[in-house]
Amino acid sequence: MSSTDRAEPFRRISVDLPDGRTIPVVIGPEATGELAGLLPRSATRVAVVTQSGIGVEVDPGVPHEVFHIGDGEAHKRLSTVEHLCSEFARFGLTRADCVVGVGGGLVTDVSGLAASLYHRGIPVIHVATTLLAQIDAAIGGKTGVNLPEGKNLVGTFWQPTAVLCDTDTLSSLPPREWRCGLGELAKYHWLGGGRLDELGLVDRIARCVEIKAAFVAADERESGRRALLNYGHTLAHALETAGAHELRHGEAVGIGLIYAAELAHRMGRIDDAAVAEHRRVVGGYDLPMRIPDGSDAAELVRLMGRDKKSLGDGLTFVLDGPSGVEVVRDVPPSLVESTLEALR
């Protein structure tokens, strides 16, 4: 993992994979202009996957066609992937060509999954246009769609050829979409980021990318340490599923971080000061910190039991502690539920 001198117009970070591949990540204003130079040399055409409301145009420098997917989590499903693959075939996309996903986390997840499945895998480049995508969703190769039973339960690991984080695209984000990324940003404070809120925007994004790149390099397939990137997500995903995605992802993660701190405190893992620091950071990003009214604690416990980190019958969480954030298994369901009740 490396970054260039700050005097350059962009921050350039490399995600170094265990198999020797290197994924370039370009961060800064007008980063989309770098797209043509990052295409695979074999690509003679490009399928651009985006949403109608994104409003970001890209020029890959070769013949291309734009394919739109729907807005909202209801479109993050296998039928959307099937439709895209059919459109790729109609367009004549080959294994030598490339998919370019332009948008937020939903677009990068869906376009990445479609690219991983079409012709058993073709290259994909992500042009991340939201804060959430730039600091998290577009980095690391995780793709996925939802099932009625839970979030991101179907997916693959498919590394992008490159990632472009154009910070100009962030200026027009609606407030709730901005907070969606701030929830992910908040978690990096406990994953090596320290006081990220004291950095400028480009440096803050670059630091998050550096942290995630280190996790991916050490554990590409989330078999161990990379699971720590899910800090705050066990409850967050349950809240999203139970509430039919009325909460935005970052808002749910904000609540999940506070919940994880309270749970760790009740288990004797952290002290009052550590809980207060969680509340300072999450509150400083104007994120919610309480369970939504009407939430069914028993349903949330059931949904958290389906979390992908869980390897057996017990409940599994990523929790802060004396040695930092780590995966903790076999957390008693009674404690899980009582902590939920305390957060109403």
Protein backbone atom coordinates (compact mmCIF):
# COMPACT_ATOMS: atom_id res chain seq x y z
CA MET A 1 0.00 0.00 0.00
CA SER A 2 1.41 3.37 -0.96
CA SER A 3 0.33 6.96 -1.56
CA THR A 4 1.93 9.73 -3.59
CA ASP A 5 3.13 13.16 -2.58
CA ARG A 6 0.31 15.55 -1.71
CA ALA A 7 1.58 18.10 -4.27
CA GLU A 8 0.07 15.97 -7.04
CA PRO A 9 -3.49 16.86 -8.17
CA PHE A 10 -4.71 13.45 -7.03
CA ARG A 11 -4.01 11.10 -4.17
CA ARG A 12 -3.07 7.73 -5.64
CA ILE A 13 -3.28 4.68 -3.41
CA SER A 14 -2.53 1.08 -4.30
CA VAL A 15 -4.49 -1.87 -2.95
CA ASP A 16 -1.92 -4.67 -3.02
CA LEU A 17 -3.56 -8.10 -3.16
CA PRO A 18 -2.05 -11.35 -1.86
CA ASP A 19 -1.78 -12.76 -5.40
CA GLY A 20 0.45 -9.89 -6.53
CA ARG A 21 -2.20 -7.83 -8.30
CA THR A 22 -2.33 -4.10 -7.58
CA ILE A 23 -5.55 -2.10 -7.73
CA PRO A 24 -5.01 1.65 -8.29
CA VAL A 25 -7.34 4.06 -6.47
CA VAL A 26 -7.35 7.68 -7.67
CA ILE A 27 -8.84 10.29 -5.30
CA GLY A 28 -9.49 13.95 -5.98
CA PRO A 29 -11.35 16.53 -8.08
CA GLU A 30 -12.10 15.49 -11.70
CA ALA A 31 -10.74 11.99 -11.11
CA THR A 32 -13.21 10.62 -13.69
CA GLY A 33 -10.93 12.04 -16.37
CA GLU A 34 -8.44 9.28 -15.57
CA LEU A 35 -10.84 6.53 -16.70
CA ALA A 36 -9.61 5.99 -20.26
CA GLY A 37 -6.03 5.50 -19.11
CA LEU A 38 -7.05 2.79 -16.63
CA LEU A 39 -9.09 0.57 -18.98
CA PRO A 40 -7.69 -2.90 -19.68
CA ARG A 41 -5.73 -2.81 -22.94
CA SER A 42 -7.91 -5.59 -24.33
CA ALA A 43 -11.15 -3.62 -23.93
CA THR A 44 -12.74 -2.51 -27.22
CA ARG A 45 -16.11 -1.62 -25.71
CA VAL A 46 -17.47 -0.70 -22.30
CA ALA A 47 -20.81 -1.22 -20.56
CA VAL A 48 -21.44 1.73 -18.24
CA VAL A 49 -23.82 0.82 -15.38
CA THR A 50 -25.39 3.74 -13.52
CA GLN A 51 -28.67 5.22 -12.27
CA SER A 52 -30.70 7.97 -13.90
CA GLY A 53 -30.27 10.35 -10.97
CA ILE A 54 -26.48 10.10 -10.72
CA GLY A 55 -25.82 12.72 -13.39
CA VAL A 56 -22.14 11.85 -13.85
CA GLU A 57 -21.00 11.21 -17.41
CA VAL A 58 -17.80 9.33 -18.20
CA ASP A 59 -15.79 8.91 -21.38
CA PRO A 60 -13.92 5.60 -21.47
CA GLY A 61 -12.37 6.44 -24.84
CA VAL A 62 -13.84 3.40 -26.61
CA PRO A 63 -17.36 2.60 -27.90
CA HIS A 64 -19.72 2.28 -24.95
CA GLU A 65 -23.36 2.04 -23.96
CA VAL A 66 -25.04 3.21 -20.76
CA PHE A 67 -27.32 0.84 -18.83
CA HIS A 68 -29.51 2.20 -16.03
CA ILE A 69 -30.64 0.33 -12.95
CA GLY A 70 -33.36 1.42 -10.53
CA ASP A 71 -32.90 3.52 -7.42
CA GLY A 72 -33.23 2.09 -3.93
CA GLU A 73 -32.53 -1.18 -2.17
CA ALA A 74 -35.57 -2.80 -3.82
CA HIS A 75 -33.50 -2.94 -7.02
CA LYS A 76 -30.49 -4.52 -5.35
CA ARG A 77 -31.57 -8.04 -6.27
CA LEU A 78 -30.73 -10.93 -8.55
CA SER A 79 -33.31 -9.95 -11.17
CA THR A 80 -31.41 -6.69 -11.72
CA VAL A 81 -28.18 -8.62 -12.25
CA GLU A 82 -29.91 -10.98 -14.69
CA HIS A 83 -31.28 -8.03 -16.66
CA LEU A 84 -27.84 -6.41 -16.85
CA CYS A 85 -26.21 -9.61 -18.08
CA SER A 86 -28.85 -9.93 -20.81
CA GLU A 87 -28.16 -6.34 -21.85
CA PHE A 88 -24.41 -7.02 -21.91
CA ALA A 89 -25.04 -9.95 -24.26
CA ARG A 90 -27.25 -7.84 -26.53
CA PHE A 91 -24.51 -5.18 -26.63
CA GLY A 92 -21.97 -7.84 -27.63
CA LEU A 93 -19.74 -7.48 -24.59
CA THR A 94 -16.93 -10.07 -24.57
CA ARG A 95 -14.56 -11.38 -21.90
CA ALA A 96 -11.95 -8.91 -23.16
CA ASP A 97 -14.19 -5.91 -22.55
CA CYS A 98 -15.04 -4.01 -19.37
CA VAL A 99 -17.91 -2.91 -17.14
CA VAL A 100 -17.74 0.54 -15.54
CA GLY A 101 -20.00 1.16 -12.54
CA VAL A 102 -20.77 4.85 -12.00
CA GLY A 103 -22.57 5.63 -8.76
CA GLY A 104 -22.80 4.79 -5.09
CA GLY A 105 -22.59 1.56 -3.15
CA LEU A 106 -25.68 0.04 -4.73
CA VAL A 107 -24.23 0.55 -8.22
CA THR A 108 -20.79 -0.79 -7.33
CA ASP A 109 -22.29 -3.85 -5.60
CA VAL A 110 -24.66 -4.68 -8.47
CA SER A 111 -22.35 -3.84 -11.38
CA GLY A 112 -19.51 -5.72 -9.69
CA LEU A 113 -21.66 -8.81 -9.21
CA ALA A 114 -22.88 -8.69 -12.81
CA ALA A 115 -19.28 -8.35 -14.06
CA SER A 116 -18.17 -11.28 -11.90
CA LEU A 117 -20.86 -13.55 -13.37
CA TYR A 118 -21.03 -12.50 -17.02
CA HIS A 119 -18.83 -14.84 -19.10
CA ARG A 120 -17.68 -16.15 -15.69
CA GLY A 121 -15.97 -12.87 -14.98
CA ILE A 122 -14.95 -9.75 -16.90
CA PRO A 123 -13.06 -6.64 -15.72
CA VAL A 124 -14.90 -3.91 -13.81
CA ILE A 125 -13.87 -0.36 -12.89
CA HIS A 126 -15.75 1.60 -10.24
CA VAL A 127 -16.33 5.35 -10.55
CA ALA A 128 -17.52 6.07 -7.02
CA THR A 129 -19.76 9.13 -6.78
CA THR A 130 -20.86 9.02 -3.12
CA LEU A 131 -18.90 9.25 0.11
CA LEU A 132 -20.03 5.74 1.07
CA ALA A 133 -18.73 4.25 -2.16
CA GLN A 134 -15.46 6.17 -2.09
CA ILE A 135 -14.43 5.16 1.42
CA ASP A 136 -15.91 1.68 1.53
CA ALA A 137 -18.23 0.06 -1.00
CA ALA A 138 -16.03 0.47 -4.09
CA ILE A 139 -12.85 -0.71 -2.34
CA GLY A 140 -12.01 -4.35 -1.73
CA GLY A 141 -13.93 -6.38 -4.30
CA LYS A 142 -17.06 -7.33 -2.33
CA THR A 143 -20.21 -7.46 -4.42
CA GLY A 144 -23.72 -8.43 -3.39
CA VAL A 145 -27.47 -8.23 -3.64
CA ASN A 146 -30.21 -8.61 -1.06
CA LEU A 147 -32.71 -11.35 -0.36
CA PRO A 148 -35.99 -10.87 1.53
CA GLU A 149 -34.25 -12.73 4.37
CA GLY A 150 -31.37 -10.26 4.70
CA LYS A 151 -28.93 -7.78 3.23
CA ASN A 152 -26.07 -8.78 0.90
CA LEU A 153 -26.70 -12.51 1.35
CA VAL A 154 -25.81 -13.29 -2.29
CA GLY A 155 -22.52 -12.05 -3.70
CA THR A 156 -18.96 -12.67 -4.81
CA PHE A 157 -15.46 -11.33 -4.25
CA TRP A 158 -14.50 -9.69 -7.56
CA GLN A 159 -11.72 -7.12 -7.49
CA PRO A 160 -12.08 -4.03 -9.70
CA THR A 161 -9.35 -3.18 -12.17
CA ALA A 162 -9.31 0.35 -10.73
CA VAL A 163 -11.36 2.73 -8.59
CA LEU A 164 -11.90 6.44 -9.23
CA CYS A 165 -13.06 8.63 -6.33
CA ASP A 166 -14.03 11.97 -7.87
CA THR A 167 -14.55 14.35 -4.96
CA ASP A 168 -16.34 16.85 -7.23
CA THR A 169 -19.31 14.48 -7.29
CA LEU A 170 -19.80 14.84 -3.53
CA SER A 171 -20.85 18.50 -3.59
CA SER A 172 -24.35 17.71 -4.85
CA LEU A 173 -25.14 14.82 -2.48
CA PRO A 174 -28.43 15.19 -0.56
CA PRO A 175 -27.96 15.45 3.23
CA ARG A 176 -29.17 11.90 3.94
CA GLU A 177 -26.89 10.47 1.23
CA TRP A 178 -23.98 12.38 2.77
CA ARG A 179 -24.81 10.93 6.21
CA CYS A 180 -24.95 7.52 4.58
CA GLY A 181 -21.21 7.80 4.02
CA LEU A 182 -20.52 9.44 7.36
CA GLY A 183 -21.62 6.28 9.17
CA GLU A 184 -18.89 4.31 7.42
CA LEU A 185 -16.44 7.14 8.00
CA ALA A 186 -17.19 7.06 11.71
CA LYS A 187 -16.26 3.37 12.05
CA TYR A 188 -12.74 4.06 10.71
CA HIS A 189 -11.99 6.09 13.85
CA TRP A 190 -11.65 2.73 15.68
CA LEU A 191 -9.86 0.88 12.87
CA GLY A 192 -6.68 2.94 12.89
CA GLY A 193 -7.99 6.29 11.65
CA GLY A 194 -7.84 8.14 14.95
CA ARG A 195 -9.34 11.65 14.82
CA LEU A 196 -10.34 11.62 11.16
CA ASP A 197 -12.67 14.55 11.77
CA GLU A 198 -9.60 16.81 11.97
CA LEU A 199 -8.53 16.10 8.36
CA GLY A 200 -9.59 17.78 5.11
CA LEU A 201 -11.97 15.92 2.81
CA VAL A 202 -9.50 14.46 0.31
CA ASP A 203 -7.08 13.42 3.06
CA ARG A 204 -9.94 11.95 5.08
CA ILE A 205 -11.11 9.84 2.13
CA ALA A 206 -7.55 8.81 1.33
CA ARG A 207 -6.92 7.72 4.92
CA CYS A 208 -10.05 5.55 4.91
CA VAL A 209 -8.97 3.98 1.61
CA GLU A 210 -5.49 3.31 3.04
CA ILE A 211 -7.01 1.59 6.07
CA LYS A 212 -9.34 -0.55 3.99
CA ALA A 213 -6.52 -1.36 1.55
CA ALA A 214 -4.45 -2.72 4.44
CA PHE A 215 -7.33 -4.92 5.61
CA VAL A 216 -7.97 -6.22 2.08
CA ALA A 217 -4.28 -6.93 1.51
CA ALA A 218 -4.16 -8.99 4.71
CA ASP A 219 -7.48 -10.80 4.23
CA GLU A 220 -8.98 -10.51 0.76
CA ARG A 221 -11.77 -13.05 1.30
CA GLU A 222 -12.88 -11.92 4.76
CA SER A 223 -11.81 -15.13 6.44
CA GLY A 224 -10.38 -13.34 9.45
CA ARG A 225 -9.18 -9.78 10.10
CA ARG A 226 -11.23 -8.14 7.33
CA ALA A 227 -14.40 -8.94 9.28
CA LEU A 228 -13.41 -6.04 11.58
CA LEU A 229 -14.51 -3.68 8.79
CA ASN A 230 -18.04 -4.69 9.79
CA TYR A 231 -17.76 -2.77 13.07
CA GLY A 232 -21.25 -1.47 13.84
CA HIS A 233 -22.79 -3.47 11.00
CA THR A 234 -24.35 -6.42 12.82
CA LEU A 235 -27.18 -4.34 14.21
CA ALA A 236 -27.09 -1.95 11.23
CA HIS A 237 -27.96 -4.67 8.73
CA ALA A 238 -30.71 -5.98 11.01
CA LEU A 239 -32.21 -2.50 11.33
CA GLU A 240 -32.14 -2.03 7.56
CA THR A 241 -33.86 -5.35 6.92
CA ALA A 242 -36.45 -4.97 9.69
CA GLY A 243 -37.29 -1.42 8.64
CA ALA A 244 -37.48 -2.18 4.89
CA HIS A 245 -34.47 0.12 4.40
CA GLU A 246 -36.24 3.21 5.73
CA LEU A 247 -32.97 3.98 7.51
CA ARG A 248 -30.09 4.79 5.20
CA HIS A 249 -27.05 2.54 5.60
CA GLY A 250 -24.85 5.13 7.29
CA GLU A 251 -27.61 6.08 9.70
CA ALA A 252 -28.02 2.42 10.66
CA VAL A 253 -24.24 2.07 11.11
CA GLY A 254 -24.24 5.09 13.42
CA ILE A 255 -26.78 3.37 15.66
CA GLY A 256 -24.84 0.11 15.31
CA LEU A 257 -21.64 1.75 16.54
CA ILE A 258 -23.33 3.13 19.64
CA TYR A 259 -24.96 -0.23 20.26
CA ALA A 260 -21.62 -2.04 19.90
CA ALA A 261 -20.07 0.35 22.41
CA GLU A 262 -22.89 -0.15 24.91
CA LEU A 263 -22.73 -3.92 24.48
CA ALA A 264 -18.95 -3.92 24.97
CA HIS A 265 -19.38 -1.77 28.07
CA ARG A 266 -21.92 -4.17 29.58
CA MET A 267 -19.48 -7.02 28.91
CA GLY A 268 -16.71 -5.17 30.76
CA ARG A 269 -14.62 -4.72 27.63
CA ILE A 270 -14.51 -0.88 27.60
CA ASP A 271 -15.03 1.91 30.15
CA ASP A 272 -17.33 4.93 30.31
CA ALA A 273 -14.80 7.14 28.52
CA ALA A 274 -14.68 4.81 25.51
CA VAL A 275 -18.49 4.85 25.27
CA ALA A 276 -18.43 8.65 25.50
CA GLU A 277 -15.91 8.81 22.63
CA HIS A 278 -18.23 6.71 20.46
CA ARG A 279 -21.04 9.13 21.21
CA ARG A 280 -18.80 12.14 20.48
CA VAL A 281 -17.78 10.83 17.06
CA VAL A 282 -21.18 9.52 15.96
CA GLY A 283 -23.00 12.60 17.28
CA GLY A 284 -20.42 14.85 15.64
CA TYR A 285 -21.40 13.41 12.28
CA ASP A 286 -25.08 14.17 13.02
CA LEU A 287 -26.02 10.48 12.94
CA PRO A 288 -28.85 8.87 14.94
CA MET A 289 -27.84 7.03 18.11
CA ARG A 290 -31.04 5.32 19.28
CA ILE A 291 -33.11 2.37 18.10
CA PRO A 292 -36.05 3.62 15.96
CA ASP A 293 -39.44 3.74 17.66
CA GLY A 294 -41.46 0.60 17.13
CA SER A 295 -38.46 -1.69 16.59
CA ASP A 296 -39.08 -5.26 17.70
CA ALA A 297 -36.08 -6.33 19.81
CA ALA A 298 -36.79 -10.04 19.34
CA GLU A 299 -36.90 -9.61 15.55
CA LEU A 300 -33.62 -7.68 15.57
CA VAL A 301 -31.95 -10.43 17.62
CA ARG A 302 -33.21 -13.02 15.13
CA LEU A 303 -31.90 -11.01 12.18
CA MET A 304 -28.53 -10.45 13.86
CA GLY A 305 -28.24 -14.22 14.22
CA ARG A 306 -28.10 -14.42 10.41
CA ASP A 307 -25.05 -12.15 10.23
CA LYS A 308 -22.39 -13.47 7.84
CA LYS A 309 -19.75 -13.40 10.62
CA SER A 310 -21.73 -15.99 12.57
CA LEU A 311 -20.26 -19.46 12.22
CA GLY A 312 -22.51 -21.34 14.65
CA ASP A 313 -25.61 -20.91 16.77
CA GLY A 314 -24.29 -18.07 18.95
CA LEU A 315 -24.48 -14.35 18.25
CA THR A 316 -21.30 -12.78 16.88
CA PHE A 317 -20.29 -9.10 17.02
CA VAL A 318 -17.31 -6.92 16.24
CA LEU A 319 -16.63 -5.14 19.55
CA ASP A 320 -14.13 -2.71 21.00
CA GLY A 321 -11.99 -3.90 23.88
CA PRO A 322 -8.65 -3.64 25.70
CA SER A 323 -6.74 -4.74 22.58
CA GLY A 324 -8.89 -2.76 20.16
CA VAL A 325 -11.70 -3.90 17.91
CA GLU A 326 -12.07 -7.67 17.48
CA VAL A 327 -14.61 -10.37 16.61
CA VAL A 328 -16.42 -11.68 19.70
CA ARG A 329 -18.47 -14.88 19.48
CA ASP A 330 -21.13 -16.49 21.66
CA VAL A 331 -22.57 -13.27 23.04
CA PRO A 332 -25.61 -14.24 25.19
CA PRO A 333 -28.91 -13.43 23.41
CA SER A 334 -30.38 -12.10 26.69
CA LEU A 335 -27.60 -9.50 26.91
CA VAL A 336 -28.03 -8.63 23.24
CA GLU A 337 -31.74 -7.98 23.74
CA SER A 338 -31.42 -6.07 27.02
CA THR A 339 -28.85 -3.74 25.43
CA LEU A 340 -31.26 -3.11 22.59
CA GLU A 341 -33.96 -2.13 25.06
CA ALA A 342 -31.56 0.29 26.78
CA LEU A 343 -30.98 2.10 23.46
CA ARG A 344 -34.61 3.05 22.85
